[in-house]
Amino acid sequence: MIFLETERLTLRRFTVDDLDNLVALDGDPEVMHFITGGRTTSREELETDFLPAFLSYYERFDGYGFWAAIEKPTGDFLGWFHFRPPPDAPADEPELGYRLRKTAWGKGYATEGSRALIHKGFTEFGVRRVTASTMSVNMASRGVMEKSGLSFVRTFFQDWPDVIEGAEHGDVEYALTREDWVSR
């Protein structure tokens, strides 16, 4: 099922057939650098934990969840986006996130998909505020957030299960309200 299309991307629901795509994505230490310090995710963990969690969002939240990003011209799996309420947050304040293969980095796909999800959220889902966060030192992700219209809100510190270089600088939160989005 196609969820959203942009000029170059199709965002669709994940299926159990996407396991190999996720294994390839999370099996790249560079992709996982700012998430786990480069530790890859096992096939078993993806199959029994992550993929079922992705699939469960479609039943729990109408319009929210994790979306496989497919390059239109080639049909290649590029990674994923998520647009969903984080735990303990109101449903009208979803969190935006993305994880793309190295081959998709620096080509504007993350910004293109993010802008499309933000637009859909504000125009179709009654979203009040979109948030996103990353490590302070992850300048590429911060750039995507800024190009997508989000503004810096704060720096915060949290405990992570993995030691990641740069964690001592904390994480950053970015956000965009409906009012600010409309006035742009």
C-alpha atoms as a PDB file:
ATOM      1  CA  MET A   1       0.000   0.000   0.000  1.00  0.00           C
ATOM      2  CA  ILE A   2       1.418   3.346  -1.064  1.00  0.00           C
ATOM      3  CA  PHE A   3       1.262   5.865   1.744  1.00  0.00           C
ATOM      4  CA  LEU A   4       2.855   8.837   0.051  1.00  0.00           C
ATOM      5  CA  GLU A   5       4.655   9.760  -3.151  1.00  0.00           C
ATOM      6  CA  THR A   6       7.115  12.540  -3.811  1.00  0.00           C
ATOM      7  CA  GLU A   7       8.965  13.448  -6.972  1.00  0.00           C
ATOM      8  CA  ARG A   8      11.556  10.705  -6.457  1.00  0.00           C
ATOM      9  CA  LEU A   9      10.222   8.532  -3.620  1.00  0.00           C
ATOM     10  CA  THR A  10       7.419   6.186  -2.798  1.00  0.00           C
ATOM     11  CA  LEU A  11       6.776   5.694   0.903  1.00  0.00           C
ATOM     12  CA  ARG A  12       4.868   2.501   1.578  1.00  0.00           C
ATOM     13  CA  ARG A  13       3.995   0.251   4.457  1.00  0.00           C
ATOM     14  CA  PHE A  14       6.524  -2.316   5.527  1.00  0.00           C
ATOM     15  CA  THR A  15       5.705  -5.992   5.061  1.00  0.00           C
ATOM     16  CA  VAL A  16       7.373  -9.136   6.398  1.00  0.00           C
ATOM     17  CA  ASP A  17       9.070  -9.360   2.991  1.00  0.00           C
ATOM     18  CA  ASP A  18      11.174  -6.314   3.918  1.00  0.00           C
ATOM     19  CA  LEU A  19      13.300  -8.222   6.415  1.00  0.00           C
ATOM     20  CA  ASP A  20      16.285  -8.489   4.052  1.00  0.00           C
ATOM     21  CA  ASN A  21      16.062  -4.751   3.334  1.00  0.00           C
ATOM     22  CA  LEU A  22      16.239  -3.987   7.052  1.00  0.00           C
ATOM     23  CA  VAL A  23      19.090  -6.448   7.578  1.00  0.00           C
ATOM     24  CA  ALA A  24      21.102  -4.713   4.847  1.00  0.00           C
ATOM     25  CA  LEU A  25      20.313  -1.251   6.239  1.00  0.00           C
ATOM     26  CA  ASP A  26      21.024  -1.977   9.908  1.00  0.00           C
ATOM     27  CA  GLY A  27      23.941  -4.224   8.948  1.00  0.00           C
ATOM     28  CA  ASP A  28      25.997  -1.237   7.812  1.00  0.00           C
ATOM     29  CA  PRO A  29      28.149   0.101  10.681  1.00  0.00           C
ATOM     30  CA  GLU A  30      28.257   3.569   9.073  1.00  0.00           C
ATOM     31  CA  VAL A  31      24.458   3.763   8.947  1.00  0.00           C
ATOM     32  CA  MET A  32      24.351   2.733  12.618  1.00  0.00           C
ATOM     33  CA  HIS A  33      27.139   5.105  13.732  1.00  0.00           C
ATOM     34  CA  PHE A  34      24.942   7.750  15.420  1.00  0.00           C
ATOM     35  CA  ILE A  35      22.423   5.171  16.659  1.00  0.00           C
ATOM     36  CA  THR A  36      24.539   2.462  18.258  1.00  0.00           C
ATOM     37  CA  GLY A  37      28.098   3.628  17.729  1.00  0.00           C
ATOM     38  CA  GLY A  38      28.333   1.312  14.714  1.00  0.00           C
ATOM     39  CA  ARG A  39      27.021  -1.885  16.292  1.00  0.00           C
ATOM     40  CA  THR A  40      24.836  -3.595  13.706  1.00  0.00           C
ATOM     41  CA  THR A  41      21.434  -5.114  14.420  1.00  0.00           C
ATOM     42  CA  SER A  42      21.110  -8.875  14.140  1.00  0.00           C
ATOM     43  CA  ARG A  43      18.697 -10.480  11.689  1.00  0.00           C
ATOM     44  CA  GLU A  44      16.985 -12.201  14.616  1.00  0.00           C
ATOM     45  CA  GLU A  45      16.416  -8.918  16.463  1.00  0.00           C
ATOM     46  CA  LEU A  46      15.050  -7.286  13.316  1.00  0.00           C
ATOM     47  CA  GLU A  47      12.762 -10.245  12.630  1.00  0.00           C
ATOM     48  CA  THR A  48      11.425 -10.725  16.167  1.00  0.00           C
ATOM     49  CA  ASP A  49      11.484  -7.183  17.549  1.00  0.00           C
ATOM     50  CA  PHE A  50      11.884  -4.296  15.107  1.00  0.00           C
ATOM     51  CA  LEU A  51       9.851  -5.432  12.091  1.00  0.00           C
ATOM     52  CA  PRO A  52       6.864  -6.539  14.234  1.00  0.00           C
ATOM     53  CA  ALA A  53       7.009  -3.164  16.000  1.00  0.00           C
ATOM     54  CA  PHE A  54       6.988  -1.366  12.636  1.00  0.00           C
ATOM     55  CA  LEU A  55       3.991  -3.413  11.486  1.00  0.00           C
ATOM     56  CA  SER A  56       2.044  -2.858  14.715  1.00  0.00           C
ATOM     57  CA  TYR A  57       1.910   0.903  14.160  1.00  0.00           C
ATOM     58  CA  TYR A  58      -0.455   0.488  11.211  1.00  0.00           C
ATOM     59  CA  GLU A  59      -3.032  -1.119  13.499  1.00  0.00           C
ATOM     60  CA  ARG A  60      -2.623   1.288  16.413  1.00  0.00           C
ATOM     61  CA  PHE A  61      -2.356   4.670  14.720  1.00  0.00           C
ATOM     62  CA  ASP A  62      -4.197   5.712  11.590  1.00  0.00           C
ATOM     63  CA  GLY A  63      -1.692   7.377   9.272  1.00  0.00           C
ATOM     64  CA  TYR A  64       1.289   7.069  11.576  1.00  0.00           C
ATOM     65  CA  GLY A  65       4.094   4.569  11.543  1.00  0.00           C
ATOM     66  CA  PHE A  66       7.230   3.465   9.739  1.00  0.00           C
ATOM     67  CA  TRP A  67       7.423   3.738   5.960  1.00  0.00           C
ATOM     68  CA  ALA A  68       9.764   1.981   3.560  1.00  0.00           C
ATOM     69  CA  ALA A  69      11.390   4.524   1.241  1.00  0.00           C
ATOM     70  CA  ILE A  70      11.585   3.279  -2.342  1.00  0.00           C
ATOM     71  CA  GLU A  71      13.400   5.134  -5.107  1.00  0.00           C
ATOM     72  CA  LYS A  72      10.857   5.569  -7.907  1.00  0.00           C
ATOM     73  CA  PRO A  73      13.098   5.193 -10.976  1.00  0.00           C
ATOM     74  CA  THR A  74      14.879   2.044  -9.748  1.00  0.00           C
ATOM     75  CA  GLY A  75      12.486   0.477  -7.228  1.00  0.00           C
ATOM     76  CA  ASP A  76      15.414   0.237  -4.804  1.00  0.00           C
ATOM     77  CA  PHE A  77      14.856   0.235  -1.051  1.00  0.00           C
ATOM     78  CA  LEU A  78      16.623   3.333   0.286  1.00  0.00           C
ATOM     79  CA  GLY A  79      15.693   3.077   3.959  1.00  0.00           C
ATOM     80  CA  TRP A  80      12.803   4.270   6.064  1.00  0.00           C
ATOM     81  CA  PHE A  81      11.025   7.218   7.602  1.00  0.00           C
ATOM     82  CA  HIS A  82       8.946   7.251  10.707  1.00  0.00           C
ATOM     83  CA  PHE A  83       6.235   9.707  11.567  1.00  0.00           C
ATOM     84  CA  ARG A  84       4.594   8.646  14.786  1.00  0.00           C
ATOM     85  CA  PRO A  85       3.799   9.815  18.283  1.00  0.00           C
ATOM     86  CA  PRO A  86       6.623   8.928  20.663  1.00  0.00           C
ATOM     87  CA  PRO A  87       5.764   7.219  23.945  1.00  0.00           C
ATOM     88  CA  ASP A  88       3.981   9.521  26.388  1.00  0.00           C
ATOM     89  CA  ALA A  89       3.376  12.231  23.779  1.00  0.00           C
ATOM     90  CA  PRO A  90       0.053  13.455  22.403  1.00  0.00           C
ATOM     91  CA  ALA A  91      -1.045  11.913  19.093  1.00  0.00           C
ATOM     92  CA  ASP A  92      -0.994  15.347  17.447  1.00  0.00           C
ATOM     93  CA  GLU A  93       2.735  15.767  18.199  1.00  0.00           C
ATOM     94  CA  PRO A  94       4.439  13.094  16.080  1.00  0.00           C
ATOM     95  CA  GLU A  95       8.155  12.537  15.899  1.00  0.00           C
ATOM     96  CA  LEU A  96       9.868  12.519  12.522  1.00  0.00           C
ATOM     97  CA  GLY A  97      12.782  10.188  11.898  1.00  0.00           C
ATOM     98  CA  TYR A  98      14.687   8.600   9.031  1.00  0.00           C
ATOM     99  CA  ARG A  99      17.386   6.050   8.323  1.00  0.00           C
ATOM    100  CA  LEU A 100      18.790   5.748   4.828  1.00  0.00           C
ATOM    101  CA  ARG A 101      21.392   3.590   3.119  1.00  0.00           C
ATOM    102  CA  LYS A 102      24.773   5.183   2.499  1.00  0.00           C
ATOM    103  CA  THR A 103      24.094   5.179  -1.248  1.00  0.00           C
ATOM    104  CA  ALA A 104      21.180   7.576  -0.615  1.00  0.00           C
ATOM    105  CA  TRP A 105      23.105  10.027   1.569  1.00  0.00           C
ATOM    106  CA  GLY A 106      23.679  13.551   0.318  1.00  0.00           C
ATOM    107  CA  LYS A 107      21.078  13.350  -2.450  1.00  0.00           C
ATOM    108  CA  GLY A 108      18.226  15.180  -0.728  1.00  0.00           C
ATOM    109  CA  TYR A 109      16.074  12.095  -0.148  1.00  0.00           C
ATOM    110  CA  ALA A 110      15.862  12.593   3.631  1.00  0.00           C
ATOM    111  CA  THR A 111      14.715  16.197   3.205  1.00  0.00           C
ATOM    112  CA  GLU A 112      12.281  15.307   0.407  1.00  0.00           C
ATOM    113  CA  GLY A 113      10.629  12.533   2.428  1.00  0.00           C
ATOM    114  CA  SER A 114      10.602  14.589   5.625  1.00  0.00           C
ATOM    115  CA  ARG A 115       8.949  17.591   3.988  1.00  0.00           C
ATOM    116  CA  ALA A 116       6.290  15.363   2.445  1.00  0.00           C
ATOM    117  CA  LEU A 117       5.496  13.704   5.785  1.00  0.00           C
ATOM    118  CA  ILE A 118       5.340  17.062   7.557  1.00  0.00           C
ATOM    119  CA  HIS A 119       2.977  18.387   4.876  1.00  0.00           C
ATOM    120  CA  LYS A 120       0.755  15.313   5.165  1.00  0.00           C
ATOM    121  CA  GLY A 121       0.735  15.616   8.945  1.00  0.00           C
ATOM    122  CA  PHE A 122      -0.350  19.234   8.957  1.00  0.00           C
ATOM    123  CA  THR A 123      -2.843  18.965   6.078  1.00  0.00           C
ATOM    124  CA  GLU A 124      -4.397  15.539   6.681  1.00  0.00           C
ATOM    125  CA  PHE A 125      -3.774  14.373  10.254  1.00  0.00           C
ATOM    126  CA  GLY A 126      -4.444  17.496  12.305  1.00  0.00           C
ATOM    127  CA  VAL A 127      -0.893  17.576  13.600  1.00  0.00           C
ATOM    128  CA  ARG A 128      -0.172  20.462  15.954  1.00  0.00           C
ATOM    129  CA  ARG A 129       3.617  20.071  16.261  1.00  0.00           C
ATOM    130  CA  VAL A 130       6.305  17.887  14.662  1.00  0.00           C
ATOM    131  CA  THR A 131       9.496  17.044  16.559  1.00  0.00           C
ATOM    132  CA  ALA A 132      12.757  15.345  15.635  1.00  0.00           C
ATOM    133  CA  SER A 133      15.958  14.652  17.522  1.00  0.00           C
ATOM    134  CA  THR A 134      19.502  13.497  16.896  1.00  0.00           C
ATOM    135  CA  MET A 135      22.910  13.595  18.491  1.00  0.00           C
ATOM    136  CA  SER A 136      24.319  17.123  18.672  1.00  0.00           C
ATOM    137  CA  VAL A 137      27.303  16.031  16.591  1.00  0.00           C
ATOM    138  CA  ASN A 138      25.194  14.522  13.787  1.00  0.00           C
ATOM    139  CA  MET A 139      25.423  17.552  11.537  1.00  0.00           C
ATOM    140  CA  ALA A 140      23.963  15.799   8.474  1.00  0.00           C
ATOM    141  CA  SER A 141      20.756  14.913  10.319  1.00  0.00           C
ATOM    142  CA  ARG A 142      20.533  18.365  11.844  1.00  0.00           C
ATOM    143  CA  GLY A 143      20.831  19.803   8.341  1.00  0.00           C
ATOM    144  CA  VAL A 144      17.922  17.660   7.149  1.00  0.00           C
ATOM    145  CA  MET A 145      15.796  18.893  10.048  1.00  0.00           C
ATOM    146  CA  GLU A 146      16.596  22.513   9.262  1.00  0.00           C
ATOM    147  CA  LYS A 147      15.998  22.097   5.510  1.00  0.00           C
ATOM    148  CA  SER A 148      12.682  20.427   6.374  1.00  0.00           C
ATOM    149  CA  GLY A 149      11.563  23.544   8.246  1.00  0.00           C
ATOM    150  CA  LEU A 150      12.209  22.467  11.836  1.00  0.00           C
ATOM    151  CA  SER A 151      13.965  24.813  14.259  1.00  0.00           C
ATOM    152  CA  PHE A 152      16.316  24.075  17.120  1.00  0.00           C
ATOM    153  CA  VAL A 153      14.492  23.793  20.465  1.00  0.00           C
ATOM    154  CA  ARG A 154      16.984  22.470  23.003  1.00  0.00           C
ATOM    155  CA  THR A 155      19.963  20.329  23.856  1.00  0.00           C
ATOM    156  CA  PHE A 156      19.307  17.462  26.252  1.00  0.00           C
ATOM    157  CA  PHE A 157      21.152  14.505  27.704  1.00  0.00           C
ATOM    158  CA  GLN A 158      19.915  10.936  27.969  1.00  0.00           C
ATOM    159  CA  ASP A 159      21.393   7.568  28.743  1.00  0.00           C
ATOM    160  CA  TRP A 160      22.096   5.351  25.756  1.00  0.00           C
ATOM    161  CA  PRO A 161      22.823   1.624  25.923  1.00  0.00           C
ATOM    162  CA  ASP A 162      25.812   2.046  23.585  1.00  0.00           C
ATOM    163  CA  VAL A 163      28.805   4.325  24.004  1.00  0.00           C
ATOM    164  CA  ILE A 164      28.842   6.638  21.007  1.00  0.00           C
ATOM    165  CA  GLU A 165      31.576   9.132  20.243  1.00  0.00           C
ATOM    166  CA  GLY A 166      30.175  12.637  20.700  1.00  0.00           C
ATOM    167  CA  ALA A 167      27.471  11.623  23.181  1.00  0.00           C
ATOM    168  CA  GLU A 168      29.054  13.912  25.756  1.00  0.00           C
ATOM    169  CA  HIS A 169      27.663  16.818  23.698  1.00  0.00           C
ATOM    170  CA  GLY A 170      24.104  15.550  24.161  1.00  0.00           C
ATOM    171  CA  ASP A 171      21.201  15.314  21.794  1.00  0.00           C
ATOM    172  CA  VAL A 172      19.228  18.084  20.145  1.00  0.00           C
ATOM    173  CA  GLU A 173      15.520  18.478  19.618  1.00  0.00           C
ATOM    174  CA  TYR A 174      14.045  20.334  16.667  1.00  0.00           C
ATOM    175  CA  ALA A 175      10.383  21.170  16.135  1.00  0.00           C
ATOM    176  CA  LEU A 176       7.907  22.834  13.817  1.00  0.00           C
ATOM    177  CA  THR A 177       4.440  23.996  14.856  1.00  0.00           C
ATOM    178  CA  ARG A 178       1.461  24.169  12.569  1.00  0.00           C
ATOM    179  CA  GLU A 179       1.402  27.967  12.965  1.00  0.00           C
ATOM    180  CA  ASP A 180       5.039  28.297  11.897  1.00  0.00           C
ATOM    181  CA  TRP A 181       4.510  25.903   8.998  1.00  0.00           C
ATOM    182  CA  VAL A 182       1.492  27.853   7.707  1.00  0.00           C
ATOM    183  CA  SER A 183       3.338  31.179   7.930  1.00  0.00           C
ATOM    184  CA  ARG A 184       6.285  29.998   5.799  1.00  0.00           C
END
